Amino acid sequence: MKKFLVLLFVLSLNNYALGAGSDSSSDTSETALYDQAVKLIKRAGKLEKKDKDEKAKKLYSQAFKKLNK
């Protein structure tokens, strides 16, 4: 009976330790940063067509920062 209780206690601690793990779909992953940069570049391209070059430059610089991370 004592071994059973010790085993149950160890297994319950293991469940709490595994539950504290991080999620692999974090926004700081490389693919998420790349996707964000692509969206910024597309928006900047649309702004360039509308002759809004200053706003486009800001978006390009933001995209560049995301790609350098």
C-alpha atoms as a PDB file:
ATOM      1  CA  MET A   1       0.000   0.000   0.000  1.00  0.00           C
ATOM      2  CA  LYS A   2       2.840   2.371   0.860  1.00  0.00           C
ATOM      3  CA  LYS A   3       4.545   1.752  -2.514  1.00  0.00           C
ATOM      4  CA  PHE A   4       1.290   2.498  -4.296  1.00  0.00           C
ATOM      5  CA  LEU A   5       0.920   5.841  -2.517  1.00  0.00           C
ATOM      6  CA  VAL A   6       4.524   6.801  -3.266  1.00  0.00           C
ATOM      7  CA  LEU A   7       4.051   5.877  -6.907  1.00  0.00           C
ATOM      8  CA  LEU A   8       0.844   7.902  -7.093  1.00  0.00           C
ATOM      9  CA  PHE A   9       2.572  10.882  -5.485  1.00  0.00           C
ATOM     10  CA  VAL A  10       5.505  10.746  -7.946  1.00  0.00           C
ATOM     11  CA  LEU A  11       3.210  10.465 -10.937  1.00  0.00           C
ATOM     12  CA  SER A  12       1.125  13.435  -9.783  1.00  0.00           C
ATOM     13  CA  LEU A  13       4.272  15.574  -9.494  1.00  0.00           C
ATOM     14  CA  ASN A  14       5.290  14.524 -12.981  1.00  0.00           C
ATOM     15  CA  ASN A  15       1.960  15.718 -14.394  1.00  0.00           C
ATOM     16  CA  TYR A  16       2.413  19.164 -12.848  1.00  0.00           C
ATOM     17  CA  ALA A  17       5.931  19.444 -14.260  1.00  0.00           C
ATOM     18  CA  LEU A  18       4.799  18.539 -17.768  1.00  0.00           C
ATOM     19  CA  GLY A  19       1.887  20.940 -17.612  1.00  0.00           C
ATOM     20  CA  ALA A  20       4.219  23.880 -17.075  1.00  0.00           C
ATOM     21  CA  GLY A  21       5.922  23.473 -20.458  1.00  0.00           C
ATOM     22  CA  SER A  22       5.879  26.248 -23.026  1.00  0.00           C
ATOM     23  CA  ASP A  23       3.771  26.290 -26.147  1.00  0.00           C
ATOM     24  CA  SER A  24       5.605  25.692 -29.421  1.00  0.00           C
ATOM     25  CA  SER A  25       3.352  28.139 -31.296  1.00  0.00           C
ATOM     26  CA  SER A  26       4.956  31.193 -29.761  1.00  0.00           C
ATOM     27  CA  ASP A  27       4.897  34.464 -31.732  1.00  0.00           C
ATOM     28  CA  THR A  28       8.617  34.885 -31.330  1.00  0.00           C
ATOM     29  CA  SER A  29       9.426  31.891 -33.498  1.00  0.00           C
ATOM     30  CA  GLU A  30      11.301  32.490 -36.711  1.00  0.00           C
ATOM     31  CA  THR A  31       8.390  31.625 -38.988  1.00  0.00           C
ATOM     32  CA  ALA A  32       6.051  34.003 -37.161  1.00  0.00           C
ATOM     33  CA  LEU A  33       8.573  36.838 -37.438  1.00  0.00           C
ATOM     34  CA  TYR A  34       9.023  36.077 -41.127  1.00  0.00           C
ATOM     35  CA  ASP A  35       5.269  36.091 -41.710  1.00  0.00           C
ATOM     36  CA  GLN A  36       4.947  39.436 -39.918  1.00  0.00           C
ATOM     37  CA  ALA A  37       7.763  40.873 -42.043  1.00  0.00           C
ATOM     38  CA  VAL A  38       6.085  39.682 -45.239  1.00  0.00           C
ATOM     39  CA  LYS A  39       2.842  41.414 -44.222  1.00  0.00           C
ATOM     40  CA  LEU A  40       4.726  44.640 -43.523  1.00  0.00           C
ATOM     41  CA  ILE A  41       6.472  44.490 -46.895  1.00  0.00           C
ATOM     42  CA  LYS A  42       3.181  43.946 -48.721  1.00  0.00           C
ATOM     43  CA  ARG A  43       1.615  46.913 -46.913  1.00  0.00           C
ATOM     44  CA  ALA A  44       4.646  49.049 -47.764  1.00  0.00           C
ATOM     45  CA  GLY A  45       4.369  48.086 -51.427  1.00  0.00           C
ATOM     46  CA  LYS A  46       0.739  49.216 -51.488  1.00  0.00           C
ATOM     47  CA  LEU A  47       1.720  52.511 -49.881  1.00  0.00           C
ATOM     48  CA  GLU A  48       4.434  53.063 -52.487  1.00  0.00           C
ATOM     49  CA  LYS A  49       1.841  52.703 -55.238  1.00  0.00           C
ATOM     50  CA  LYS A  50      -0.147  55.466 -53.539  1.00  0.00           C
ATOM     51  CA  ASP A  51       2.996  57.686 -53.415  1.00  0.00           C
ATOM     52  CA  LYS A  52       3.210  57.521 -49.612  1.00  0.00           C
ATOM     53  CA  ASP A  53       6.940  56.883 -49.514  1.00  0.00           C
ATOM     54  CA  GLU A  54       7.627  57.989 -45.926  1.00  0.00           C
ATOM     55  CA  LYS A  55       5.118  55.551 -44.440  1.00  0.00           C
ATOM     56  CA  ALA A  56       6.431  52.824 -46.735  1.00  0.00           C
ATOM     57  CA  LYS A  57       9.994  53.422 -45.521  1.00  0.00           C
ATOM     58  CA  LYS A  58       8.858  53.045 -41.915  1.00  0.00           C
ATOM     59  CA  LEU A  59       7.183  49.733 -42.716  1.00  0.00           C
ATOM     60  CA  TYR A  60      10.255  48.513 -44.600  1.00  0.00           C
ATOM     61  CA  SER A  61      12.469  49.338 -41.631  1.00  0.00           C
ATOM     62  CA  GLN A  62      10.112  47.489 -39.265  1.00  0.00           C
ATOM     63  CA  ALA A  63      10.205  44.466 -41.573  1.00  0.00           C
ATOM     64  CA  PHE A  64      13.981  44.618 -41.721  1.00  0.00           C
ATOM     65  CA  LYS A  65      14.190  44.608 -37.918  1.00  0.00           C
ATOM     66  CA  LYS A  66      11.956  41.542 -37.748  1.00  0.00           C
ATOM     67  CA  LEU A  67      14.063  39.715 -40.314  1.00  0.00           C
ATOM     68  CA  ASN A  68      17.288  40.486 -38.426  1.00  0.00           C
ATOM     69  CA  LYS A  69      16.071  38.883 -35.189  1.00  0.00           C
END
